[in-house]
């Protein structure tokens, strides 16, 4: 597969600094060479820069860095559309606010191909706030609401011309939802599998049902992998740690099932904060999971000494 690595050093959507180093950490951890070793053609297009800033002020005083986040979204949406032409873009975050641009960009490409876009959201959070409902003002909590066409972004963010149908969004790993998000999500068709669902049914059953829907619709699949999908014991490099996340085995199973499906057309790797990592442990895990998604198998893994 032809892959495009796109660095998005955005950290202003989060409450804790450090995510801007995420793209560099993923590169240093060997993402490009790991994919090339699997036979993929990989071009690193470098880090993008935001569009020109425009001054915005929002009635919700909690909202911060709105102008900058809009500028990043505008730039990334265009680049995501461009780099998804006959290639698989892999967006290296940065905080989860990058998905406002990455998903809208690939959704435009999917619409051009007359295929529905599906999104697999691997995250502890639903990120379904609007500019009005967010209490923290951290805009990494808003991308799903934005790219699915929820009201509350008009006059600030670019118009979403190809919104993702909420019925085409599946969230797995959820374990931290604000009341405002929960109430709003009940009115949508978003599929939400929290950690209890995983405990009761197993992640394979839940994911397989979603993938079957993507196949039936001849859809394209965007995967958005947040570090906090994983349990903090194996992935400490994130500013929004929530105990009880996916285990090492569950995460690799998800990635290998995605690989087997052959459906994934684009990927986000987000919320990696190297400032909080332990000697690159989380960065290496994110690279290893990406390799699993792109074809690495259990039998390919060498035994580690010690």
C-alpha atoms as a PDB file:
ATOM      1  CA  UNK A   1       0.000   0.000   0.000  1.00  0.00           C
ATOM      2  CA  UNK A   2       1.095   3.578  -0.635  1.00  0.00           C
ATOM      3  CA  UNK A   3       1.151   5.368   2.726  1.00  0.00           C
ATOM      4  CA  UNK A   4       1.521   9.059   3.492  1.00  0.00           C
ATOM      5  CA  UNK A   5       2.739  10.141   6.924  1.00  0.00           C
ATOM      6  CA  UNK A   6       1.360  13.569   7.837  1.00  0.00           C
ATOM      7  CA  UNK A   7       2.577  15.256  10.988  1.00  0.00           C
ATOM      8  CA  UNK A   8       0.074  17.469  12.794  1.00  0.00           C
ATOM      9  CA  UNK A   9       1.835  19.029  15.831  1.00  0.00           C
ATOM     10  CA  UNK A  10      -1.337  20.444  17.336  1.00  0.00           C
ATOM     11  CA  UNK A  11      -1.505  20.604  21.129  1.00  0.00           C
ATOM     12  CA  UNK A  12      -3.764  23.585  21.822  1.00  0.00           C
ATOM     13  CA  UNK A  13      -6.926  21.469  21.750  1.00  0.00           C
ATOM     14  CA  UNK A  14      -5.840  19.711  24.926  1.00  0.00           C
ATOM     15  CA  UNK A  15      -5.425  20.974  28.438  1.00  0.00           C
ATOM     16  CA  UNK A  16      -1.835  19.762  28.873  1.00  0.00           C
ATOM     17  CA  UNK A  17       1.110  20.684  26.676  1.00  0.00           C
ATOM     18  CA  UNK A  18       3.322  18.108  24.999  1.00  0.00           C
ATOM     19  CA  UNK A  19       1.303  16.604  22.138  1.00  0.00           C
ATOM     20  CA  UNK A  20       3.103  18.770  19.598  1.00  0.00           C
ATOM     21  CA  UNK A  21       6.050  16.408  20.084  1.00  0.00           C
ATOM     22  CA  UNK A  22       3.891  13.405  19.156  1.00  0.00           C
ATOM     23  CA  UNK A  23       4.754  13.304  15.433  1.00  0.00           C
ATOM     24  CA  UNK A  24       8.487  13.393  16.188  1.00  0.00           C
ATOM     25  CA  UNK A  25       8.166  10.638  18.790  1.00  0.00           C
ATOM     26  CA  UNK A  26       6.319   8.370  16.344  1.00  0.00           C
ATOM     27  CA  UNK A  27       8.989   8.983  13.726  1.00  0.00           C
ATOM     28  CA  UNK A  28      11.824   8.325  16.181  1.00  0.00           C
ATOM     29  CA  UNK A  29      10.074   5.127  17.296  1.00  0.00           C
ATOM     30  CA  UNK A  30      10.442   3.861  13.720  1.00  0.00           C
ATOM     31  CA  UNK A  31       7.003   4.190  12.163  1.00  0.00           C
ATOM     32  CA  UNK A  32       8.254   4.644   8.604  1.00  0.00           C
ATOM     33  CA  UNK A  33      10.744   1.778   8.677  1.00  0.00           C
ATOM     34  CA  UNK A  34       8.212  -0.517  10.390  1.00  0.00           C
ATOM     35  CA  UNK A  35       5.769  -0.002   7.533  1.00  0.00           C
ATOM     36  CA  UNK A  36       8.461  -0.318   4.869  1.00  0.00           C
ATOM     37  CA  UNK A  37       9.604  -3.607   6.405  1.00  0.00           C
ATOM     38  CA  UNK A  38       6.073  -4.888   5.776  1.00  0.00           C
ATOM     39  CA  UNK A  39       6.387  -4.044   2.087  1.00  0.00           C
ATOM     40  CA  UNK A  40       4.517  -0.748   2.029  1.00  0.00           C
ATOM     41  CA  UNK A  41       5.646   2.310   0.119  1.00  0.00           C
ATOM     42  CA  UNK A  42       5.884   5.193   2.598  1.00  0.00           C
ATOM     43  CA  UNK A  43       6.313   8.902   1.976  1.00  0.00           C
ATOM     44  CA  UNK A  44       6.670  11.242   4.937  1.00  0.00           C
ATOM     45  CA  UNK A  45       5.249  14.560   3.782  1.00  0.00           C
ATOM     46  CA  UNK A  46       6.465  16.279   6.947  1.00  0.00           C
ATOM     47  CA  UNK A  47       4.554  18.416   9.410  1.00  0.00           C
ATOM     48  CA  UNK A  48       1.775  20.641   8.178  1.00  0.00           C
ATOM     49  CA  UNK A  49       1.279  24.269   9.188  1.00  0.00           C
ATOM     50  CA  UNK A  50      -2.042  25.967   9.975  1.00  0.00           C
ATOM     51  CA  UNK A  51      -3.950  28.247   7.639  1.00  0.00           C
ATOM     52  CA  UNK A  52      -3.816  32.018   8.271  1.00  0.00           C
ATOM     53  CA  UNK A  53      -5.411  32.965  11.583  1.00  0.00           C
ATOM     54  CA  UNK A  54      -8.683  34.838  11.867  1.00  0.00           C
ATOM     55  CA  UNK A  55      -9.826  36.339  15.136  1.00  0.00           C
ATOM     56  CA  UNK A  56     -12.763  34.554  16.763  1.00  0.00           C
ATOM     57  CA  UNK A  57     -14.460  35.127  20.083  1.00  0.00           C
ATOM     58  CA  UNK A  58     -17.106  32.730  21.369  1.00  0.00           C
ATOM     59  CA  UNK A  59     -19.799  33.420  24.000  1.00  0.00           C
ATOM     60  CA  UNK A  60     -18.626  30.361  25.930  1.00  0.00           C
ATOM     61  CA  UNK A  61     -15.765  31.899  27.898  1.00  0.00           C
ATOM     62  CA  UNK A  62     -14.227  28.474  28.548  1.00  0.00           C
ATOM     63  CA  UNK A  63     -13.360  27.958  24.863  1.00  0.00           C
ATOM     64  CA  UNK A  64      -9.689  28.651  24.253  1.00  0.00           C
ATOM     65  CA  UNK A  65      -7.442  28.732  21.181  1.00  0.00           C
ATOM     66  CA  UNK A  66     -10.461  28.754  18.889  1.00  0.00           C
ATOM     67  CA  UNK A  67      -8.818  30.760  16.106  1.00  0.00           C
ATOM     68  CA  UNK A  68      -5.760  28.509  16.061  1.00  0.00           C
ATOM     69  CA  UNK A  69      -7.814  25.296  16.095  1.00  0.00           C
ATOM     70  CA  UNK A  70      -9.948  26.511  13.198  1.00  0.00           C
ATOM     71  CA  UNK A  71      -6.792  27.361  11.238  1.00  0.00           C
ATOM     72  CA  UNK A  72      -5.353  23.883  11.801  1.00  0.00           C
ATOM     73  CA  UNK A  73      -8.672  22.293  10.805  1.00  0.00           C
ATOM     74  CA  UNK A  74      -8.859  24.255   7.568  1.00  0.00           C
ATOM     75  CA  UNK A  75      -5.317  23.305   6.561  1.00  0.00           C
ATOM     76  CA  UNK A  76      -5.603  19.651   7.522  1.00  0.00           C
ATOM     77  CA  UNK A  77      -8.927  19.106   5.762  1.00  0.00           C
ATOM     78  CA  UNK A  78      -7.351  20.165   2.469  1.00  0.00           C
ATOM     79  CA  UNK A  79      -4.221  18.072   2.985  1.00  0.00           C
ATOM     80  CA  UNK A  80      -6.258  15.035   4.059  1.00  0.00           C
ATOM     81  CA  UNK A  81      -8.287  15.270   0.879  1.00  0.00           C
ATOM     82  CA  UNK A  82      -5.181  15.694  -1.282  1.00  0.00           C
ATOM     83  CA  UNK A  83      -3.124  12.916   0.304  1.00  0.00           C
ATOM     84  CA  UNK A  84      -5.986  10.397   0.268  1.00  0.00           C
ATOM     85  CA  UNK A  85      -5.864  10.215  -3.524  1.00  0.00           C
ATOM     86  CA  UNK A  86      -4.819   6.633  -4.279  1.00  0.00           C
ATOM     87  CA  UNK A  87      -2.961   6.473  -0.964  1.00  0.00           C
ATOM     88  CA  UNK A  88      -3.536   5.835   2.725  1.00  0.00           C
ATOM     89  CA  UNK A  89      -2.926   8.931   4.845  1.00  0.00           C
ATOM     90  CA  UNK A  90      -1.689   8.333   8.397  1.00  0.00           C
ATOM     91  CA  UNK A  91      -2.099  11.440  10.541  1.00  0.00           C
ATOM     92  CA  UNK A  92       0.453  11.786  13.323  1.00  0.00           C
ATOM     93  CA  UNK A  93      -0.967  13.847  16.162  1.00  0.00           C
ATOM     94  CA  UNK A  94      -1.106  16.023  18.036  1.00  0.00           C
ATOM     95  CA  UNK A  95      -4.217  15.991  20.150  1.00  0.00           C
ATOM     96  CA  UNK A  96      -7.566  14.613  19.031  1.00  0.00           C
ATOM     97  CA  UNK A  97      -8.694  17.984  17.694  1.00  0.00           C
ATOM     98  CA  UNK A  98      -6.830  16.987  14.519  1.00  0.00           C
ATOM     99  CA  UNK A  99      -9.708  14.653  13.630  1.00  0.00           C
ATOM    100  CA  UNK A 100     -11.904  17.645  12.853  1.00  0.00           C
ATOM    101  CA  UNK A 101      -9.688  18.156   9.809  1.00  0.00           C
ATOM    102  CA  UNK A 102      -8.554  14.632   8.992  1.00  0.00           C
ATOM    103  CA  UNK A 103     -12.040  13.133   8.950  1.00  0.00           C
ATOM    104  CA  UNK A 104     -13.695  15.969   7.026  1.00  0.00           C
ATOM    105  CA  UNK A 105     -10.912  15.761   4.447  1.00  0.00           C
ATOM    106  CA  UNK A 106     -11.212  12.012   3.869  1.00  0.00           C
ATOM    107  CA  UNK A 107     -15.021  12.303   3.966  1.00  0.00           C
ATOM    108  CA  UNK A 108     -14.769  14.660   0.995  1.00  0.00           C
ATOM    109  CA  UNK A 109     -12.696  12.044  -0.822  1.00  0.00           C
ATOM    110  CA  UNK A 110     -15.217   9.304   0.024  1.00  0.00           C
ATOM    111  CA  UNK A 111     -18.091  11.441  -1.279  1.00  0.00           C
ATOM    112  CA  UNK A 112     -16.175  12.007  -4.509  1.00  0.00           C
ATOM    113  CA  UNK A 113     -15.826   8.238  -4.862  1.00  0.00           C
ATOM    114  CA  UNK A 114     -19.546   7.834  -4.063  1.00  0.00           C
ATOM    115  CA  UNK A 115     -18.760   5.605  -1.087  1.00  0.00           C
ATOM    116  CA  UNK A 116     -19.912   6.142   2.502  1.00  0.00           C
ATOM    117  CA  UNK A 117     -17.276   6.887   5.112  1.00  0.00           C
ATOM    118  CA  UNK A 118     -17.312   4.910   8.363  1.00  0.00           C
ATOM    119  CA  UNK A 119     -15.308   5.885  11.436  1.00  0.00           C
ATOM    120  CA  UNK A 120     -13.970   3.572  14.133  1.00  0.00           C
ATOM    121  CA  UNK A 121     -13.304   5.737  17.192  1.00  0.00           C
ATOM    122  CA  UNK A 122     -10.922   3.994  19.594  1.00  0.00           C
ATOM    123  CA  UNK A 123     -10.953   6.273  22.621  1.00  0.00           C
ATOM    124  CA  UNK A 124     -11.852   6.591  26.278  1.00  0.00           C
ATOM    125  CA  UNK A 125     -13.972   9.643  25.397  1.00  0.00           C
ATOM    126  CA  UNK A 126     -16.768  10.302  22.922  1.00  0.00           C
ATOM    127  CA  UNK A 127     -15.543  13.828  22.002  1.00  0.00           C
ATOM    128  CA  UNK A 128     -19.101  14.897  21.217  1.00  0.00           C
ATOM    129  CA  UNK A 129     -19.145  18.370  22.740  1.00  0.00           C
ATOM    130  CA  UNK A 130     -19.917  21.511  20.770  1.00  0.00           C
ATOM    131  CA  UNK A 131     -18.495  24.972  21.341  1.00  0.00           C
ATOM    132  CA  UNK A 132     -21.537  25.684  23.507  1.00  0.00           C
ATOM    133  CA  UNK A 133     -21.506  22.553  25.665  1.00  0.00           C
ATOM    134  CA  UNK A 134     -17.814  22.178  26.479  1.00  0.00           C
ATOM    135  CA  UNK A 135     -17.055  23.130  30.064  1.00  0.00           C
ATOM    136  CA  UNK A 136     -13.285  22.826  29.859  1.00  0.00           C
ATOM    137  CA  UNK A 137     -13.001  24.621  26.531  1.00  0.00           C
ATOM    138  CA  UNK A 138     -10.540  21.935  25.357  1.00  0.00           C
ATOM    139  CA  UNK A 139     -11.439  21.487  21.712  1.00  0.00           C
ATOM    140  CA  UNK A 140     -10.023  17.960  21.499  1.00  0.00           C
ATOM    141  CA  UNK A 141     -13.416  17.081  23.005  1.00  0.00           C
ATOM    142  CA  UNK A 142     -15.378  18.296  19.966  1.00  0.00           C
ATOM    143  CA  UNK A 143     -14.266  16.601  16.702  1.00  0.00           C
ATOM    144  CA  UNK A 144     -16.926  13.872  16.484  1.00  0.00           C
ATOM    145  CA  UNK A 145     -19.712  16.406  16.935  1.00  0.00           C
ATOM    146  CA  UNK A 146     -18.134  18.573  14.262  1.00  0.00           C
ATOM    147  CA  UNK A 147     -17.425  16.034  11.514  1.00  0.00           C
ATOM    148  CA  UNK A 148     -20.820  14.357  11.982  1.00  0.00           C
ATOM    149  CA  UNK A 149     -22.597  17.660  11.321  1.00  0.00           C
ATOM    150  CA  UNK A 150     -23.885  18.488  14.801  1.00  0.00           C
ATOM    151  CA  UNK A 151     -25.019  22.091  15.180  1.00  0.00           C
ATOM    152  CA  UNK A 152     -22.903  24.447  17.240  1.00  0.00           C
ATOM    153  CA  UNK A 153     -19.888  25.202  15.052  1.00  0.00           C
ATOM    154  CA  UNK A 154     -21.472  27.560  12.495  1.00  0.00           C
ATOM    155  CA  UNK A 155     -19.680  30.828  11.901  1.00  0.00           C
ATOM    156  CA  UNK A 156     -16.424  29.507  13.313  1.00  0.00           C
ATOM    157  CA  UNK A 157     -15.295  26.211  11.811  1.00  0.00           C
ATOM    158  CA  UNK A 158     -15.513  25.495   8.054  1.00  0.00           C
ATOM    159  CA  UNK A 159     -18.873  24.218   6.840  1.00  0.00           C
ATOM    160  CA  UNK A 160     -19.021  20.413   6.893  1.00  0.00           C
ATOM    161  CA  UNK A 161     -20.164  19.639   3.367  1.00  0.00           C
ATOM    162  CA  UNK A 162     -19.868  15.858   3.680  1.00  0.00           C
ATOM    163  CA  UNK A 163     -20.824  15.007   7.262  1.00  0.00           C
ATOM    164  CA  UNK A 164     -20.262  11.472   8.470  1.00  0.00           C
ATOM    165  CA  UNK A 165     -23.576   9.763   9.150  1.00  0.00           C
ATOM    166  CA  UNK A 166     -23.698   9.137  12.932  1.00  0.00           C
ATOM    167  CA  UNK A 167     -24.972   5.646  12.146  1.00  0.00           C
ATOM    168  CA  UNK A 168     -21.588   5.029  10.484  1.00  0.00           C
ATOM    169  CA  UNK A 169     -19.608   5.828  13.641  1.00  0.00           C
ATOM    170  CA  UNK A 170     -18.589   3.100  16.074  1.00  0.00           C
ATOM    171  CA  UNK A 171     -16.882   3.967  19.349  1.00  0.00           C
ATOM    172  CA  UNK A 172     -14.985   1.281  21.255  1.00  0.00           C
ATOM    173  CA  UNK A 173     -13.277   1.652  24.620  1.00  0.00           C
ATOM    174  CA  UNK A 174     -15.469   4.454  25.981  1.00  0.00           C
ATOM    175  CA  UNK A 175     -15.287   4.961  29.740  1.00  0.00           C
ATOM    176  CA  UNK A 176     -15.507   8.727  30.363  1.00  0.00           C
ATOM    177  CA  UNK A 177     -18.544  10.651  29.068  1.00  0.00           C
ATOM    178  CA  UNK A 178     -19.851  14.018  30.245  1.00  0.00           C
ATOM    179  CA  UNK A 179     -23.621  14.282  30.920  1.00  0.00           C
ATOM    180  CA  UNK A 180     -24.141  16.754  28.047  1.00  0.00           C
ATOM    181  CA  UNK A 181     -22.450  14.379  25.614  1.00  0.00           C
ATOM    182  CA  UNK A 182     -24.401  11.393  26.890  1.00  0.00           C
ATOM    183  CA  UNK A 183     -27.727  13.160  26.477  1.00  0.00           C
ATOM    184  CA  UNK A 184     -26.889  14.314  22.947  1.00  0.00           C
ATOM    185  CA  UNK A 185     -25.583  10.926  21.830  1.00  0.00           C
ATOM    186  CA  UNK A 186     -28.852   9.251  22.820  1.00  0.00           C
ATOM    187  CA  UNK A 187     -30.482  11.179  19.965  1.00  0.00           C
ATOM    188  CA  UNK A 188     -28.032   9.846  17.374  1.00  0.00           C
ATOM    189  CA  UNK A 189     -27.309   6.535  15.716  1.00  0.00           C
ATOM    190  CA  UNK A 190     -23.722   6.360  16.984  1.00  0.00           C
ATOM    191  CA  UNK A 191     -22.746   2.868  18.167  1.00  0.00           C
ATOM    192  CA  UNK A 192     -21.036   3.067  21.553  1.00  0.00           C
ATOM    193  CA  UNK A 193     -19.265   0.104  23.127  1.00  0.00           C
ATOM    194  CA  UNK A 194     -17.917   0.970  26.546  1.00  0.00           C
ATOM    195  CA  UNK A 195     -15.481  -1.171  28.481  1.00  0.00           C
ATOM    196  CA  UNK A 196     -18.310  -3.096  30.137  1.00  0.00           C
ATOM    197  CA  UNK A 197     -19.499  -4.204  26.695  1.00  0.00           C
ATOM    198  CA  UNK A 198     -15.982  -5.362  25.919  1.00  0.00           C
ATOM    199  CA  UNK A 199     -15.806  -7.253  29.219  1.00  0.00           C
ATOM    200  CA  UNK A 200     -19.162  -8.939  28.638  1.00  0.00           C
ATOM    201  CA  UNK A 201     -18.952  -9.770  24.937  1.00  0.00           C
ATOM    202  CA  UNK A 202     -15.303  -9.486  23.921  1.00  0.00           C
ATOM    203  CA  UNK A 203     -13.924  -6.881  21.567  1.00  0.00           C
ATOM    204  CA  UNK A 204     -13.836  -9.261  18.585  1.00  0.00           C
ATOM    205  CA  UNK A 205     -17.617  -9.758  18.550  1.00  0.00           C
ATOM    206  CA  UNK A 206     -18.279  -6.030  18.746  1.00  0.00           C
ATOM    207  CA  UNK A 207     -15.766  -5.078  16.071  1.00  0.00           C
ATOM    208  CA  UNK A 208     -16.781  -7.850  13.702  1.00  0.00           C
ATOM    209  CA  UNK A 209     -20.392  -6.650  13.650  1.00  0.00           C
ATOM    210  CA  UNK A 210     -19.284  -3.152  12.716  1.00  0.00           C
ATOM    211  CA  UNK A 211     -16.909  -4.335  10.004  1.00  0.00           C
ATOM    212  CA  UNK A 212     -19.696  -6.390   8.461  1.00  0.00           C
ATOM    213  CA  UNK A 213     -21.741  -3.196   8.138  1.00  0.00           C
ATOM    214  CA  UNK A 214     -18.852  -1.433   6.403  1.00  0.00           C
ATOM    215  CA  UNK A 215     -18.521  -4.294   3.930  1.00  0.00           C
ATOM    216  CA  UNK A 216     -22.268  -4.366   3.229  1.00  0.00           C
ATOM    217  CA  UNK A 217     -22.243  -0.649   2.422  1.00  0.00           C
ATOM    218  CA  UNK A 218     -19.040  -0.793   0.334  1.00  0.00           C
ATOM    219  CA  UNK A 219     -17.700   1.853   2.675  1.00  0.00           C
ATOM    220  CA  UNK A 220     -14.320   3.358   3.369  1.00  0.00           C
ATOM    221  CA  UNK A 221     -13.070   3.116   6.943  1.00  0.00           C
ATOM    222  CA  UNK A 222     -11.216   5.770   8.911  1.00  0.00           C
ATOM    223  CA  UNK A 223      -9.676   4.595  12.189  1.00  0.00           C
ATOM    224  CA  UNK A 224      -8.910   7.107  14.927  1.00  0.00           C
ATOM    225  CA  UNK A 225      -6.659   5.655  17.635  1.00  0.00           C
ATOM    226  CA  UNK A 226      -6.275   7.711  20.808  1.00  0.00           C
ATOM    227  CA  UNK A 227      -3.553   6.696  23.259  1.00  0.00           C
ATOM    228  CA  UNK A 228      -6.140   6.751  26.057  1.00  0.00           C
ATOM    229  CA  UNK A 229      -8.006   3.884  24.374  1.00  0.00           C
ATOM    230  CA  UNK A 230      -5.240   1.842  25.978  1.00  0.00           C
ATOM    231  CA  UNK A 231      -4.901   1.181  29.673  1.00  0.00           C
ATOM    232  CA  UNK A 232      -2.475   3.672  31.290  1.00  0.00           C
ATOM    233  CA  UNK A 233      -0.429   0.763  32.651  1.00  0.00           C
ATOM    234  CA  UNK A 234       0.779  -0.003  29.123  1.00  0.00           C
ATOM    235  CA  UNK A 235       0.487   3.490  27.599  1.00  0.00           C
ATOM    236  CA  UNK A 236       1.286   6.213  30.137  1.00  0.00           C
ATOM    237  CA  UNK A 237       2.096   8.992  27.641  1.00  0.00           C
ATOM    238  CA  UNK A 238      -1.277  10.736  27.600  1.00  0.00           C
ATOM    239  CA  UNK A 239      -2.666  13.712  29.473  1.00  0.00           C
ATOM    240  CA  UNK A 240      -6.159  12.232  29.855  1.00  0.00           C
ATOM    241  CA  UNK A 241      -5.475   8.931  31.586  1.00  0.00           C
ATOM    242  CA  UNK A 242      -8.583   6.886  32.404  1.00  0.00           C
ATOM    243  CA  UNK A 243      -8.062   3.548  34.189  1.00  0.00           C
ATOM    244  CA  UNK A 244      -9.537   0.367  32.772  1.00  0.00           C
ATOM    245  CA  UNK A 245      -8.595   0.733  29.118  1.00  0.00           C
ATOM    246  CA  UNK A 246      -7.845  -1.836  26.448  1.00  0.00           C
ATOM    247  CA  UNK A 247      -5.142  -4.369  27.210  1.00  0.00           C
ATOM    248  CA  UNK A 248      -2.126  -5.096  25.037  1.00  0.00           C
ATOM    249  CA  UNK A 249      -3.806  -8.226  23.698  1.00  0.00           C
ATOM    250  CA  UNK A 250      -7.162  -6.538  23.030  1.00  0.00           C
ATOM    251  CA  UNK A 251      -5.516  -3.670  21.183  1.00  0.00           C
ATOM    252  CA  UNK A 252      -3.471  -5.950  18.952  1.00  0.00           C
ATOM    253  CA  UNK A 253      -6.531  -8.089  18.253  1.00  0.00           C
ATOM    254  CA  UNK A 254      -8.419  -4.989  17.079  1.00  0.00           C
ATOM    255  CA  UNK A 255      -5.551  -4.016  14.789  1.00  0.00           C
ATOM    256  CA  UNK A 256      -5.150  -7.497  13.320  1.00  0.00           C
ATOM    257  CA  UNK A 257      -8.883  -7.771  12.667  1.00  0.00           C
ATOM    258  CA  UNK A 258      -8.778  -4.414  10.913  1.00  0.00           C
ATOM    259  CA  UNK A 259      -5.900  -5.658   8.795  1.00  0.00           C
ATOM    260  CA  UNK A 260      -7.766  -8.844   7.908  1.00  0.00           C
ATOM    261  CA  UNK A 261     -10.768  -6.797   6.816  1.00  0.00           C
ATOM    262  CA  UNK A 262      -8.810  -4.834   4.228  1.00  0.00           C
ATOM    263  CA  UNK A 263     -11.164  -1.900   4.814  1.00  0.00           C
ATOM    264  CA  UNK A 264      -9.007   0.751   6.473  1.00  0.00           C
ATOM    265  CA  UNK A 265      -8.345   3.702   4.188  1.00  0.00           C
ATOM    266  CA  UNK A 266      -6.989   6.295   6.642  1.00  0.00           C
ATOM    267  CA  UNK A 267      -5.684   6.458  10.212  1.00  0.00           C
ATOM    268  CA  UNK A 268      -5.242   8.924  13.087  1.00  0.00           C
ATOM    269  CA  UNK A 269      -2.627   8.350  15.801  1.00  0.00           C
ATOM    270  CA  UNK A 270      -3.380  10.930  18.465  1.00  0.00           C
ATOM    271  CA  UNK A 271      -2.814  12.220  22.011  1.00  0.00           C
ATOM    272  CA  UNK A 272       0.724  10.863  22.322  1.00  0.00           C
ATOM    273  CA  UNK A 273       2.489  13.157  24.794  1.00  0.00           C
ATOM    274  CA  UNK A 274       6.181  12.153  24.885  1.00  0.00           C
ATOM    275  CA  UNK A 275       6.735  14.485  27.838  1.00  0.00           C
ATOM    276  CA  UNK A 276       4.741  11.976  29.907  1.00  0.00           C
ATOM    277  CA  UNK A 277       6.232   8.813  28.426  1.00  0.00           C
ATOM    278  CA  UNK A 278       8.644   6.298  29.942  1.00  0.00           C
ATOM    279  CA  UNK A 279      11.669   6.045  27.641  1.00  0.00           C
ATOM    280  CA  UNK A 280       9.507   5.974  24.520  1.00  0.00           C
ATOM    281  CA  UNK A 281       7.399   3.060  25.734  1.00  0.00           C
ATOM    282  CA  UNK A 282       4.062   4.419  24.510  1.00  0.00           C
ATOM    283  CA  UNK A 283       5.448   5.673  21.208  1.00  0.00           C
ATOM    284  CA  UNK A 284       6.869   2.234  20.448  1.00  0.00           C
ATOM    285  CA  UNK A 285       3.553   0.609  21.332  1.00  0.00           C
ATOM    286  CA  UNK A 286       1.649   2.939  18.987  1.00  0.00           C
ATOM    287  CA  UNK A 287       4.087   2.071  16.193  1.00  0.00           C
ATOM    288  CA  UNK A 288       3.712  -1.632  16.939  1.00  0.00           C
ATOM    289  CA  UNK A 289      -0.082  -1.354  16.844  1.00  0.00           C
ATOM    290  CA  UNK A 290       0.102   0.469  13.532  1.00  0.00           C
ATOM    291  CA  UNK A 291       2.307  -2.305  12.197  1.00  0.00           C
ATOM    292  CA  UNK A 292      -0.324  -4.848  13.295  1.00  0.00           C
ATOM    293  CA  UNK A 293      -2.972  -2.911  11.410  1.00  0.00           C
ATOM    294  CA  UNK A 294      -0.721  -2.911   8.342  1.00  0.00           C
ATOM    295  CA  UNK A 295       0.107  -6.613   8.305  1.00  0.00           C
ATOM    296  CA  UNK A 296       2.433  -7.622  11.129  1.00  0.00           C
ATOM    297  CA  UNK A 297       1.389 -10.881  12.769  1.00  0.00           C
ATOM    298  CA  UNK A 298       1.988 -12.584  16.109  1.00  0.00           C
ATOM    299  CA  UNK A 299       4.323 -15.056  14.417  1.00  0.00           C
ATOM    300  CA  UNK A 300       6.424 -12.139  13.188  1.00  0.00           C
ATOM    301  CA  UNK A 301       7.238 -10.911  16.704  1.00  0.00           C
ATOM    302  CA  UNK A 302      10.641 -11.867  18.110  1.00  0.00           C
ATOM    303  CA  UNK A 303      10.994 -12.973  21.697  1.00  0.00           C
ATOM    304  CA  UNK A 304      12.281 -10.166  23.887  1.00  0.00           C
ATOM    305  CA  UNK A 305      15.212 -10.761  26.187  1.00  0.00           C
ATOM    306  CA  UNK A 306      14.770 -10.258  29.916  1.00  0.00           C
END
